[in-house]
């Protein structure tokens, strides 16, 4: 993974999100299910003045047709999807995960479910 500063997307935003996640995991500790961590992130985002939406819903469109609904845990800075996950230990799979951004506009689109 190339981690040159000029290649990182939303570097400052992601660092702030990760900082909040570290604070959340260190405060209540390990052993909870996902929802309390998500709610704690909501509190921490508020304290850190990070703009977010909790569980917004988006239609998934394929060639103009609604094919499903996408409901992420959180979206921070109107750009970064934040998913809370509880795992027993960090494996090679988790080490390889990158920050998630909006889905590629060529394969799927998000739309407001009110439309």
Protein backbone atom coordinates (compact mmCIF):
# COMPACT_ATOMS: atom_id res chain seq x y z
CA UNK A 1 0.00 0.00 0.00
CA UNK A 2 1.45 3.35 -1.04
CA UNK A 3 1.10 5.76 1.88
CA UNK A 4 2.72 8.86 0.38
CA UNK A 5 0.97 11.97 1.71
CA UNK A 6 0.01 13.12 -1.78
CA UNK A 7 -1.78 9.83 -2.45
CA UNK A 8 -4.00 9.63 0.64
CA UNK A 9 -7.63 10.58 0.09
CA UNK A 10 -9.22 12.79 2.73
CA UNK A 11 -6.12 12.36 4.90
CA UNK A 12 -7.01 14.84 7.65
CA UNK A 13 -10.63 13.67 7.81
CA UNK A 14 -9.66 10.00 8.05
CA UNK A 15 -7.07 10.75 10.75
CA UNK A 16 -9.74 12.55 12.78
CA UNK A 17 -12.18 9.63 12.35
CA UNK A 18 -9.53 7.11 13.40
CA UNK A 19 -8.68 9.26 16.41
CA UNK A 20 -12.33 9.18 17.46
CA UNK A 21 -12.46 5.41 16.97
CA UNK A 22 -9.37 4.93 19.15
CA UNK A 23 -10.92 7.11 21.86
CA UNK A 24 -14.14 5.09 21.68
CA UNK A 25 -12.45 1.70 21.92
CA UNK A 26 -10.18 2.85 24.77
CA UNK A 27 -12.93 4.41 26.89
CA UNK A 28 -15.56 1.65 27.32
CA UNK A 29 -13.03 -1.05 26.39
CA UNK A 30 -13.46 -4.27 24.47
CA UNK A 31 -16.28 -6.79 24.65
CA UNK A 32 -19.39 -4.88 23.56
CA UNK A 33 -21.56 -5.51 20.52
CA UNK A 34 -21.37 -3.09 17.57
CA UNK A 35 -24.28 -0.71 18.32
CA UNK A 36 -22.85 0.82 21.53
CA UNK A 37 -19.59 1.55 19.68
CA UNK A 38 -21.54 3.18 16.84
CA UNK A 39 -23.47 5.31 19.33
CA UNK A 40 -20.27 6.21 21.17
CA UNK A 41 -18.77 7.33 17.84
CA UNK A 42 -21.80 9.56 17.35
CA UNK A 43 -21.10 11.17 20.72
CA UNK A 44 -17.38 11.51 19.97
CA UNK A 45 -18.02 12.95 16.49
CA UNK A 46 -20.25 15.55 18.13
CA UNK A 47 -17.61 16.40 20.73
CA UNK A 48 -14.97 16.71 18.00
CA UNK A 49 -17.33 18.70 15.75
CA UNK A 50 -17.13 16.16 12.94
CA UNK A 51 -20.13 16.37 10.62
CA UNK A 52 -21.88 13.02 10.26
CA UNK A 53 -25.11 11.22 9.46
CA UNK A 54 -26.17 8.10 11.36
CA UNK A 55 -27.75 5.33 9.30
CA UNK A 56 -28.85 7.38 6.30
CA UNK A 57 -30.47 5.27 3.61
CA UNK A 58 -29.65 5.37 -0.08
CA UNK A 59 -31.20 3.54 -2.99
CA UNK A 60 -28.68 1.55 -4.98
CA UNK A 61 -29.23 2.16 -8.67
CA UNK A 62 -28.10 -0.07 -11.51
CA UNK A 63 -28.58 1.39 -14.98
CA UNK A 64 -31.35 3.58 -13.65
CA UNK A 65 -33.14 0.80 -11.76
CA UNK A 66 -33.44 0.56 -7.98
CA UNK A 67 -31.84 -2.73 -6.98
CA UNK A 68 -31.48 -2.35 -3.25
CA UNK A 69 -31.00 -0.12 -0.26
CA UNK A 70 -27.67 0.84 1.30
CA UNK A 71 -27.75 1.87 4.97
CA UNK A 72 -24.26 2.57 6.32
CA UNK A 73 -23.67 2.92 10.06
CA UNK A 74 -22.26 6.44 9.68
CA UNK A 75 -21.11 8.85 7.00
CA UNK A 76 -18.59 11.41 8.19
CA UNK A 77 -17.66 14.60 6.33
CA UNK A 78 -20.27 13.70 3.67
CA UNK A 79 -17.65 11.42 2.12
CA UNK A 80 -16.36 8.63 4.38
CA UNK A 81 -18.47 5.57 5.18
CA UNK A 82 -17.77 4.44 8.75
CA UNK A 83 -18.77 0.91 9.70
CA UNK A 84 -18.49 -0.33 13.25
CA UNK A 85 -17.34 -3.93 13.49
CA UNK A 86 -16.55 -6.15 16.43
CA UNK A 87 -13.86 -8.78 15.91
CA UNK A 88 -12.07 -11.21 18.22
CA UNK A 89 -8.63 -10.45 16.80
CA UNK A 90 -7.00 -8.61 13.92
CA UNK A 91 -6.18 -10.92 11.02
CA UNK A 92 -4.43 -10.33 7.70
CA UNK A 93 -7.85 -9.51 6.22
CA UNK A 94 -8.43 -6.59 8.61
CA UNK A 95 -4.89 -5.32 8.09
CA UNK A 96 -5.63 -5.02 4.37
CA UNK A 97 -8.84 -3.00 4.70
CA UNK A 98 -8.82 0.54 3.36
CA UNK A 99 -11.13 3.42 4.26
CA UNK A 100 -14.37 3.19 2.34
CA UNK A 101 -15.48 6.07 0.17
CA UNK A 102 -18.63 6.53 -1.85
CA UNK A 103 -19.29 3.69 -4.31
CA UNK A 104 -17.87 4.10 -7.79
CA UNK A 105 -20.34 6.05 -9.93
CA UNK A 106 -19.75 3.74 -12.90
CA UNK A 107 -21.15 0.60 -11.26
CA UNK A 108 -23.70 1.88 -8.78
CA UNK A 109 -25.12 5.17 -7.59
CA UNK A 110 -26.57 6.27 -4.30
CA UNK A 111 -29.74 8.27 -4.36
CA UNK A 112 -31.90 9.80 -1.70
CA UNK A 113 -34.69 7.32 -0.87
CA UNK A 114 -37.15 10.20 -0.80
CA UNK A 115 -36.74 10.68 -4.56
